[in-house]
Amino acid sequence: MRLTRFATIQSPAPAWPTWVSAAHRRRVDPLTRIVCAAVDGLHMTCAWSPDTALVISTAYGSIDSTWRFASSIAEFGDAGASPTPFTSAVHNASTGSLSELLHLHGSCTTLSQGGHATIAALRWADLQLTSQRAPAVLIVIADHFNAWSRTIISSLSGSPWPLGGGAVALLAEPGDGAGRAVRWGDHAYDLAIDAGAPHPADEALLAVAPRRRCSADIIGAWAPGSTLAGVTSELWRSTTTLQIRECEDRILHTAWLGPWC
């Protein structure tokens, strides 16, 4: 498997992409808006094969819609629950919306693997390509937060960094060609990259890597899936080999990305 396209965006999202209609803009939530903006950064929204598979990896899902729906129940009771945010108050809402917008008919999956978000999504994509279930896989790792979730999650996680939302989009393809080859496990690398970890034991495991680059320090914010958020487009298209490292509950997962070629 090789990664052929890469784009990253931080909250708040910029203007809507032109391929998102006004009708969709009224329906979707802020997480989907960020997801669309990241995918738009791949510059190939007119070139998708309809059989392309899609995976979105998100730790917290559509927080805004969930909060709005739960708040309407708290204020008005079950009978007064607002139906408007209900349809997007599930983790799979953004995945379904994006597949509809891009007219994709391949496998469509949402993952929620917390601090292992990036490697989990890459492994899912590899399985899709290896089994020949899809000619390509669109991968998005994304989370969006509101004032309520920032307060609660920051308190529970004890993160030394402020909570930051955003999205990373990648395209995975099989065979040889331009891109970065993906291997699992530890291999010789030029630069180790991770998201940082709020728990001291996890952060200690990440910090021992030589030539470490912590995305939380680079962008000044932390989110479980922000491992690649600190990678610039120049670094991505360089010959620098990257070791992705993600740790949660003292479980360390690694993946190797070869040089751009």
C-alpha atoms as a PDB file:
ATOM      1  CA  MET A   1       0.000   0.000   0.000  1.00  0.00           C
ATOM      2  CA  ARG A   2       1.145   3.543  -0.740  1.00  0.00           C
ATOM      3  CA  LEU A   3      -0.220   6.919   0.298  1.00  0.00           C
ATOM      4  CA  THR A   4      -0.495   9.147  -2.757  1.00  0.00           C
ATOM      5  CA  ARG A   5      -2.332  12.241  -1.477  1.00  0.00           C
ATOM      6  CA  PHE A   6      -2.195  14.157   1.792  1.00  0.00           C
ATOM      7  CA  ALA A   7      -3.935  17.218   3.233  1.00  0.00           C
ATOM      8  CA  THR A   8      -4.473  18.567   6.733  1.00  0.00           C
ATOM      9  CA  ILE A   9      -6.633  21.336   8.158  1.00  0.00           C
ATOM     10  CA  GLN A  10      -7.220  22.759  11.623  1.00  0.00           C
ATOM     11  CA  SER A  11     -10.403  24.184  13.153  1.00  0.00           C
ATOM     12  CA  PRO A  12     -12.183  26.375  12.292  1.00  0.00           C
ATOM     13  CA  ALA A  13     -12.820  25.159   8.764  1.00  0.00           C
ATOM     14  CA  PRO A  14     -12.471  27.569   5.845  1.00  0.00           C
ATOM     15  CA  ALA A  15     -15.178  28.322   3.294  1.00  0.00           C
ATOM     16  CA  TRP A  16     -17.252  25.435   2.030  1.00  0.00           C
ATOM     17  CA  PRO A  17     -15.841  23.536  -0.972  1.00  0.00           C
ATOM     18  CA  THR A  18     -17.715  24.314  -4.166  1.00  0.00           C
ATOM     19  CA  TRP A  19     -18.797  20.679  -4.539  1.00  0.00           C
ATOM     20  CA  VAL A  20     -20.920  20.836  -1.363  1.00  0.00           C
ATOM     21  CA  SER A  21     -24.382  22.084  -2.311  1.00  0.00           C
ATOM     22  CA  ALA A  22     -26.352  24.639  -0.315  1.00  0.00           C
ATOM     23  CA  ALA A  23     -28.814  21.919   0.671  1.00  0.00           C
ATOM     24  CA  HIS A  24     -26.051  19.804   2.171  1.00  0.00           C
ATOM     25  CA  ARG A  25     -24.535  22.795   3.931  1.00  0.00           C
ATOM     26  CA  ARG A  26     -27.767  23.325   5.837  1.00  0.00           C
ATOM     27  CA  ARG A  27     -27.918  19.699   6.966  1.00  0.00           C
ATOM     28  CA  VAL A  28     -24.399  18.691   7.964  1.00  0.00           C
ATOM     29  CA  ASP A  29     -22.640  19.480  11.229  1.00  0.00           C
ATOM     30  CA  PRO A  30     -19.241  21.149  11.936  1.00  0.00           C
ATOM     31  CA  LEU A  31     -17.352  17.829  11.945  1.00  0.00           C
ATOM     32  CA  THR A  32     -18.531  17.071   8.419  1.00  0.00           C
ATOM     33  CA  ARG A  33     -17.555  20.572   7.340  1.00  0.00           C
ATOM     34  CA  ILE A  34     -13.980  20.008   8.519  1.00  0.00           C
ATOM     35  CA  VAL A  35     -13.907  16.581   6.871  1.00  0.00           C
ATOM     36  CA  CYS A  36     -15.040  18.087   3.557  1.00  0.00           C
ATOM     37  CA  ALA A  37     -12.428  20.844   3.780  1.00  0.00           C
ATOM     38  CA  ALA A  38      -9.625  18.313   4.325  1.00  0.00           C
ATOM     39  CA  VAL A  39     -10.797  16.121   1.449  1.00  0.00           C
ATOM     40  CA  ASP A  40     -11.010  19.197  -0.767  1.00  0.00           C
ATOM     41  CA  GLY A  41      -7.309  19.714  -0.053  1.00  0.00           C
ATOM     42  CA  LEU A  42      -6.549  16.490  -1.929  1.00  0.00           C
ATOM     43  CA  HIS A  43      -7.510  18.326  -5.162  1.00  0.00           C
ATOM     44  CA  MET A  44      -9.170  15.365  -6.825  1.00  0.00           C
ATOM     45  CA  THR A  45     -12.863  15.527  -5.988  1.00  0.00           C
ATOM     46  CA  CYS A  46     -13.762  15.017  -9.659  1.00  0.00           C
ATOM     47  CA  ALA A  47     -11.533  11.961 -10.077  1.00  0.00           C
ATOM     48  CA  TRP A  48     -12.962   9.466  -7.586  1.00  0.00           C
ATOM     49  CA  SER A  49     -13.713   5.960  -8.736  1.00  0.00           C
ATOM     50  CA  PRO A  50     -17.237   5.179  -7.468  1.00  0.00           C
ATOM     51  CA  ASP A  51     -15.812   1.984  -5.949  1.00  0.00           C
ATOM     52  CA  THR A  52     -13.354   3.891  -3.735  1.00  0.00           C
ATOM     53  CA  ALA A  53     -13.679   2.814  -0.101  1.00  0.00           C
ATOM     54  CA  LEU A  54     -14.025   5.390   2.673  1.00  0.00           C
ATOM     55  CA  VAL A  55     -12.970   5.311   6.314  1.00  0.00           C
ATOM     56  CA  ILE A  56     -13.263   8.124   8.841  1.00  0.00           C
ATOM     57  CA  SER A  57     -11.478   7.666  12.154  1.00  0.00           C
ATOM     58  CA  THR A  58     -12.878   9.863  14.928  1.00  0.00           C
ATOM     59  CA  ALA A  59     -12.558   9.627  18.697  1.00  0.00           C
ATOM     60  CA  TYR A  60     -15.562  11.752  19.631  1.00  0.00           C
ATOM     61  CA  GLY A  61     -17.761  11.945  16.543  1.00  0.00           C
ATOM     62  CA  SER A  62     -20.333  14.673  15.946  1.00  0.00           C
ATOM     63  CA  ILE A  63     -20.124  16.401  19.308  1.00  0.00           C
ATOM     64  CA  ASP A  64     -22.120  19.484  18.305  1.00  0.00           C
ATOM     65  CA  SER A  65     -25.101  17.459  17.130  1.00  0.00           C
ATOM     66  CA  THR A  66     -24.932  15.104  20.110  1.00  0.00           C
ATOM     67  CA  TRP A  67     -24.805  18.042  22.516  1.00  0.00           C
ATOM     68  CA  ARG A  68     -27.713  19.813  20.798  1.00  0.00           C
ATOM     69  CA  PHE A  69     -29.844  16.660  20.800  1.00  0.00           C
ATOM     70  CA  ALA A  70     -29.097  15.782  24.436  1.00  0.00           C
ATOM     71  CA  SER A  71     -29.702  19.393  25.484  1.00  0.00           C
ATOM     72  CA  SER A  72     -33.115  19.410  23.833  1.00  0.00           C
ATOM     73  CA  ILE A  73     -34.090  16.296  25.820  1.00  0.00           C
ATOM     74  CA  ALA A  74     -32.800  17.841  29.051  1.00  0.00           C
ATOM     75  CA  GLU A  75     -34.772  21.028  28.440  1.00  0.00           C
ATOM     76  CA  PHE A  76     -38.004  19.744  26.902  1.00  0.00           C
ATOM     77  CA  GLY A  77     -38.150  16.034  27.779  1.00  0.00           C
ATOM     78  CA  ASP A  78     -38.228  13.045  25.436  1.00  0.00           C
ATOM     79  CA  ALA A  79     -41.270  14.331  23.573  1.00  0.00           C
ATOM     80  CA  GLY A  80     -39.564  17.651  22.887  1.00  0.00           C
ATOM     81  CA  ALA A  81     -36.289  16.252  21.563  1.00  0.00           C
ATOM     82  CA  SER A  82     -35.123  18.111  18.479  1.00  0.00           C
ATOM     83  CA  PRO A  83     -35.114  15.898  15.351  1.00  0.00           C
ATOM     84  CA  THR A  84     -32.784  18.260  13.446  1.00  0.00           C
ATOM     85  CA  PRO A  85     -29.482  17.225  15.104  1.00  0.00           C
ATOM     86  CA  PHE A  86     -30.589  13.631  15.684  1.00  0.00           C
ATOM     87  CA  THR A  87     -29.585  12.394  12.222  1.00  0.00           C
ATOM     88  CA  SER A  88     -26.002  13.610  12.659  1.00  0.00           C
ATOM     89  CA  ALA A  89     -25.655  12.701  16.348  1.00  0.00           C
ATOM     90  CA  VAL A  90     -23.963   9.387  15.511  1.00  0.00           C
ATOM     91  CA  HIS A  91     -20.321   8.621  14.743  1.00  0.00           C
ATOM     92  CA  ASN A  92     -21.123   7.414  11.227  1.00  0.00           C
ATOM     93  CA  ALA A  93     -22.946  10.606  10.139  1.00  0.00           C
ATOM     94  CA  SER A  94     -19.926  12.298   8.569  1.00  0.00           C
ATOM     95  CA  THR A  95     -18.901   9.121   6.756  1.00  0.00           C
ATOM     96  CA  GLY A  96     -22.361   8.733   5.247  1.00  0.00           C
ATOM     97  CA  SER A  97     -22.549  12.397   4.263  1.00  0.00           C
ATOM     98  CA  LEU A  98     -19.137  12.373   2.591  1.00  0.00           C
ATOM     99  CA  SER A  99     -19.812   9.181   0.637  1.00  0.00           C
ATOM    100  CA  GLU A 100     -23.065  10.719  -0.611  1.00  0.00           C
ATOM    101  CA  LEU A 101     -21.379  13.972  -1.606  1.00  0.00           C
ATOM    102  CA  LEU A 102     -18.602  12.171  -3.503  1.00  0.00           C
ATOM    103  CA  HIS A 103     -20.971   9.543  -4.991  1.00  0.00           C
ATOM    104  CA  LEU A 104     -18.927   6.684  -3.542  1.00  0.00           C
ATOM    105  CA  HIS A 105     -20.316   3.144  -3.462  1.00  0.00           C
ATOM    106  CA  GLY A 106     -17.393   1.289  -1.911  1.00  0.00           C
ATOM    107  CA  SER A 107     -17.083   0.113   1.686  1.00  0.00           C
ATOM    108  CA  CYS A 108     -17.964   2.903   4.113  1.00  0.00           C
ATOM    109  CA  THR A 109     -16.721   2.609   7.698  1.00  0.00           C
ATOM    110  CA  THR A 110     -16.232   4.719  10.820  1.00  0.00           C
ATOM    111  CA  LEU A 111     -13.554   3.799  13.364  1.00  0.00           C
ATOM    112  CA  SER A 112     -13.196   5.053  16.926  1.00  0.00           C
ATOM    113  CA  GLN A 113      -9.787   3.995  18.232  1.00  0.00           C
ATOM    114  CA  GLY A 114      -8.829   7.030  20.309  1.00  0.00           C
ATOM    115  CA  GLY A 115      -5.092   7.578  20.435  1.00  0.00           C
ATOM    116  CA  HIS A 116      -4.511   4.859  17.815  1.00  0.00           C
ATOM    117  CA  ALA A 117      -6.726   6.619  15.275  1.00  0.00           C
ATOM    118  CA  THR A 118      -4.236   7.053  12.436  1.00  0.00           C
ATOM    119  CA  ILE A 119      -2.695   3.586  12.431  1.00  0.00           C
ATOM    120  CA  ALA A 120      -6.121   1.953  12.840  1.00  0.00           C
ATOM    121  CA  ALA A 121      -7.362   3.762   9.728  1.00  0.00           C
ATOM    122  CA  LEU A 122      -4.232   2.849   7.767  1.00  0.00           C
ATOM    123  CA  ARG A 123      -4.597  -0.821   8.715  1.00  0.00           C
ATOM    124  CA  TRP A 124      -8.256  -0.817   7.625  1.00  0.00           C
ATOM    125  CA  ALA A 125      -7.257   0.720   4.298  1.00  0.00           C
ATOM    126  CA  ASP A 126      -4.518  -1.886   3.809  1.00  0.00           C
ATOM    127  CA  LEU A 127      -6.999  -4.715   4.379  1.00  0.00           C
ATOM    128  CA  GLN A 128      -9.379  -3.233   1.812  1.00  0.00           C
ATOM    129  CA  LEU A 129      -6.653  -2.988  -0.811  1.00  0.00           C
ATOM    130  CA  THR A 130      -5.031  -6.338  -0.033  1.00  0.00           C
ATOM    131  CA  SER A 131      -8.372  -8.131  -0.315  1.00  0.00           C
ATOM    132  CA  GLN A 132      -9.087  -6.206  -3.556  1.00  0.00           C
ATOM    133  CA  ARG A 133     -12.376  -4.906  -2.194  1.00  0.00           C
ATOM    134  CA  ALA A 134     -11.554  -1.409  -3.439  1.00  0.00           C
ATOM    135  CA  PRO A 135      -9.260   0.188  -6.051  1.00  0.00           C
ATOM    136  CA  ALA A 136      -8.389   2.966  -3.597  1.00  0.00           C
ATOM    137  CA  VAL A 137      -9.257   4.068  -0.065  1.00  0.00           C
ATOM    138  CA  LEU A 138     -10.033   7.591   1.098  1.00  0.00           C
ATOM    139  CA  ILE A 139      -8.853   7.980   4.710  1.00  0.00           C
ATOM    140  CA  VAL A 140      -9.891  10.827   7.015  1.00  0.00           C
ATOM    141  CA  ILE A 141      -8.880  11.239  10.662  1.00  0.00           C
ATOM    142  CA  ALA A 142     -10.944  14.015  12.252  1.00  0.00           C
ATOM    143  CA  ASP A 143     -12.438  15.473  15.423  1.00  0.00           C
ATOM    144  CA  HIS A 144     -14.225  18.740  16.169  1.00  0.00           C
ATOM    145  CA  PHE A 145     -14.927  20.198  19.614  1.00  0.00           C
ATOM    146  CA  ASN A 146     -17.266  22.796  21.078  1.00  0.00           C
ATOM    147  CA  ALA A 147     -16.939  24.782  24.300  1.00  0.00           C
ATOM    148  CA  TRP A 148     -18.643  22.051  26.362  1.00  0.00           C
ATOM    149  CA  SER A 149     -16.485  19.199  25.056  1.00  0.00           C
ATOM    150  CA  ARG A 150     -13.271  21.208  25.367  1.00  0.00           C
ATOM    151  CA  THR A 151     -13.957  21.780  29.049  1.00  0.00           C
ATOM    152  CA  ILE A 152     -15.002  18.197  29.823  1.00  0.00           C
ATOM    153  CA  ILE A 153     -12.334  16.390  27.788  1.00  0.00           C
ATOM    154  CA  SER A 154      -9.531  18.677  28.930  1.00  0.00           C
ATOM    155  CA  SER A 155     -10.571  18.067  32.542  1.00  0.00           C
ATOM    156  CA  LEU A 156     -10.831  14.290  32.169  1.00  0.00           C
ATOM    157  CA  SER A 157      -7.682  13.839  30.089  1.00  0.00           C
ATOM    158  CA  GLY A 158      -5.481  16.268  32.014  1.00  0.00           C
ATOM    159  CA  SER A 159      -3.864  17.217  28.713  1.00  0.00           C
ATOM    160  CA  PRO A 160      -0.996  19.722  29.021  1.00  0.00           C
ATOM    161  CA  TRP A 161      -1.995  21.019  25.572  1.00  0.00           C
ATOM    162  CA  PRO A 162      -5.244  22.810  24.696  1.00  0.00           C
ATOM    163  CA  LEU A 163      -7.737  20.644  22.831  1.00  0.00           C
ATOM    164  CA  GLY A 164      -7.611  21.229  19.081  1.00  0.00           C
ATOM    165  CA  GLY A 165      -9.904  19.994  16.329  1.00  0.00           C
ATOM    166  CA  GLY A 166      -9.057  19.370  12.708  1.00  0.00           C
ATOM    167  CA  ALA A 167      -8.762  16.716  10.036  1.00  0.00           C
ATOM    168  CA  VAL A 168      -6.164  14.844   8.029  1.00  0.00           C
ATOM    169  CA  ALA A 169      -7.084  13.312   4.661  1.00  0.00           C
ATOM    170  CA  LEU A 170      -5.087  10.691   2.750  1.00  0.00           C
ATOM    171  CA  LEU A 171      -5.577   8.579  -0.339  1.00  0.00           C
ATOM    172  CA  ALA A 172      -4.275   5.007  -0.254  1.00  0.00           C
ATOM    173  CA  GLU A 173      -3.638   3.045  -3.441  1.00  0.00           C
ATOM    174  CA  PRO A 174      -2.118  -0.369  -4.228  1.00  0.00           C
ATOM    175  CA  GLY A 175       0.916  -1.218  -6.319  1.00  0.00           C
ATOM    176  CA  ASP A 176       3.928   0.815  -7.343  1.00  0.00           C
ATOM    177  CA  GLY A 177       4.058   4.477  -8.262  1.00  0.00           C
ATOM    178  CA  ALA A 178       4.256   7.917  -6.714  1.00  0.00           C
ATOM    179  CA  GLY A 179       3.616   8.132  -3.001  1.00  0.00           C
ATOM    180  CA  ARG A 180       4.851   6.810   0.329  1.00  0.00           C
ATOM    181  CA  ALA A 181       5.005   3.070   0.952  1.00  0.00           C
ATOM    182  CA  VAL A 182       3.503   1.869   4.250  1.00  0.00           C
ATOM    183  CA  ARG A 183       5.029  -0.845   6.422  1.00  0.00           C
ATOM    184  CA  TRP A 184       3.945  -2.010   9.855  1.00  0.00           C
ATOM    185  CA  GLY A 185       6.198  -2.064  12.892  1.00  0.00           C
ATOM    186  CA  ASP A 186       9.623  -0.566  13.500  1.00  0.00           C
ATOM    187  CA  HIS A 187      12.056   0.201  10.692  1.00  0.00           C
ATOM    188  CA  ALA A 188      14.946   2.618  10.261  1.00  0.00           C
ATOM    189  CA  TYR A 189      13.607   6.167   9.936  1.00  0.00           C
ATOM    190  CA  ASP A 190      14.678   9.792   9.666  1.00  0.00           C
ATOM    191  CA  LEU A 191      11.914  11.328  11.778  1.00  0.00           C
ATOM    192  CA  ALA A 192       9.512   9.890  14.366  1.00  0.00           C
ATOM    193  CA  ILE A 193       6.153  11.648  14.567  1.00  0.00           C
ATOM    194  CA  ASP A 194       3.389  11.337  17.147  1.00  0.00           C
ATOM    195  CA  ALA A 195       0.435  13.303  18.522  1.00  0.00           C
ATOM    196  CA  GLY A 196       1.722  13.464  22.080  1.00  0.00           C
ATOM    197  CA  ALA A 197      -0.268  11.848  24.882  1.00  0.00           C
ATOM    198  CA  PRO A 198      -1.959  13.446  27.905  1.00  0.00           C
ATOM    199  CA  HIS A 199      -1.206  10.503  30.212  1.00  0.00           C
ATOM    200  CA  PRO A 200       2.383  10.705  31.548  1.00  0.00           C
ATOM    201  CA  ALA A 201       3.046   6.971  31.084  1.00  0.00           C
ATOM    202  CA  ASP A 202       2.023   7.121  27.428  1.00  0.00           C
ATOM    203  CA  GLU A 203       3.946  10.341  26.831  1.00  0.00           C
ATOM    204  CA  ALA A 204       7.062   8.742  28.326  1.00  0.00           C
ATOM    205  CA  LEU A 205       6.883   5.903  25.789  1.00  0.00           C
ATOM    206  CA  LEU A 206       6.550   8.387  22.935  1.00  0.00           C
ATOM    207  CA  ALA A 207       9.292  10.690  24.199  1.00  0.00           C
ATOM    208  CA  VAL A 208      12.052   8.060  24.076  1.00  0.00           C
ATOM    209  CA  ALA A 209      12.084   7.999  20.270  1.00  0.00           C
ATOM    210  CA  PRO A 210      15.179   9.577  18.706  1.00  0.00           C
ATOM    211  CA  ARG A 211      14.519  12.463  16.310  1.00  0.00           C
ATOM    212  CA  ARG A 212      11.014  12.923  17.666  1.00  0.00           C
ATOM    213  CA  ARG A 213       8.502  15.411  16.230  1.00  0.00           C
ATOM    214  CA  CYS A 214       5.411  15.927  18.422  1.00  0.00           C
ATOM    215  CA  SER A 215       2.453  17.338  16.469  1.00  0.00           C
ATOM    216  CA  ALA A 216       0.883  18.726  19.644  1.00  0.00           C
ATOM    217  CA  ASP A 217       3.958  20.909  20.148  1.00  0.00           C
ATOM    218  CA  ILE A 218       4.056  21.927  16.476  1.00  0.00           C
ATOM    219  CA  ILE A 219       0.430  23.070  16.195  1.00  0.00           C
ATOM    220  CA  GLY A 220       0.008  24.022  19.851  1.00  0.00           C
ATOM    221  CA  ALA A 221      -2.966  21.721  20.411  1.00  0.00           C
ATOM    222  CA  TRP A 222      -3.771  18.052  21.035  1.00  0.00           C
ATOM    223  CA  ALA A 223      -6.406  15.630  19.789  1.00  0.00           C
ATOM    224  CA  PRO A 224      -6.271  11.813  19.802  1.00  0.00           C
ATOM    225  CA  GLY A 225      -5.978  11.571  16.014  1.00  0.00           C
ATOM    226  CA  SER A 226      -3.673  14.519  15.363  1.00  0.00           C
ATOM    227  CA  THR A 227      -0.526  12.463  14.745  1.00  0.00           C
ATOM    228  CA  LEU A 228      -0.001  13.764  11.201  1.00  0.00           C
ATOM    229  CA  ALA A 229      -1.305  17.278  11.863  1.00  0.00           C
ATOM    230  CA  GLY A 230       2.221  18.603  12.301  1.00  0.00           C
ATOM    231  CA  VAL A 231       3.395  17.366   8.904  1.00  0.00           C
ATOM    232  CA  THR A 232       3.761  20.110   6.298  1.00  0.00           C
ATOM    233  CA  SER A 233       3.161  19.507   2.602  1.00  0.00           C
ATOM    234  CA  GLU A 234       6.877  20.091   2.024  1.00  0.00           C
ATOM    235  CA  LEU A 235       7.823  17.414   4.547  1.00  0.00           C
ATOM    236  CA  TRP A 236       5.235  15.035   3.128  1.00  0.00           C
ATOM    237  CA  ARG A 237       6.680  15.314  -0.378  1.00  0.00           C
ATOM    238  CA  SER A 238      10.287  14.971   0.798  1.00  0.00           C
ATOM    239  CA  THR A 239      12.565  11.940   0.924  1.00  0.00           C
ATOM    240  CA  THR A 240      12.405  11.942   4.748  1.00  0.00           C
ATOM    241  CA  THR A 241      11.247   8.574   6.077  1.00  0.00           C
ATOM    242  CA  LEU A 242       8.638   8.813   8.831  1.00  0.00           C
ATOM    243  CA  GLN A 243       7.856   6.536  11.759  1.00  0.00           C
ATOM    244  CA  ILE A 244       4.284   7.031  12.999  1.00  0.00           C
ATOM    245  CA  ARG A 245       4.014   6.290  16.713  1.00  0.00           C
ATOM    246  CA  GLU A 246       0.723   6.240  18.664  1.00  0.00           C
ATOM    247  CA  CYS A 247       0.318   5.300  22.321  1.00  0.00           C
ATOM    248  CA  GLU A 248      -2.704   4.939  24.571  1.00  0.00           C
ATOM    249  CA  ASP A 249      -3.066   2.915  27.786  1.00  0.00           C
ATOM    250  CA  ARG A 250       0.663   2.088  27.429  1.00  0.00           C
ATOM    251  CA  ILE A 251      -0.041   0.250  24.153  1.00  0.00           C
ATOM    252  CA  LEU A 252       2.347   1.522  21.488  1.00  0.00           C
ATOM    253  CA  HIS A 253       1.538   1.049  17.789  1.00  0.00           C
ATOM    254  CA  THR A 254       3.949   1.974  15.009  1.00  0.00           C
ATOM    255  CA  ALA A 255       3.923   2.246  11.231  1.00  0.00           C
ATOM    256  CA  TRP A 256       6.629   3.292   8.762  1.00  0.00           C
ATOM    257  CA  LEU A 257       6.157   5.608   5.807  1.00  0.00           C
ATOM    258  CA  GLY A 258       8.839   5.429   3.166  1.00  0.00           C
ATOM    259  CA  PRO A 259      10.311   8.394   1.322  1.00  0.00           C
ATOM    260  CA  TRP A 260       8.173  10.211  -1.222  1.00  0.00           C
ATOM    261  CA  CYS A 261       8.936   8.807  -4.645  1.00  0.00           C
END
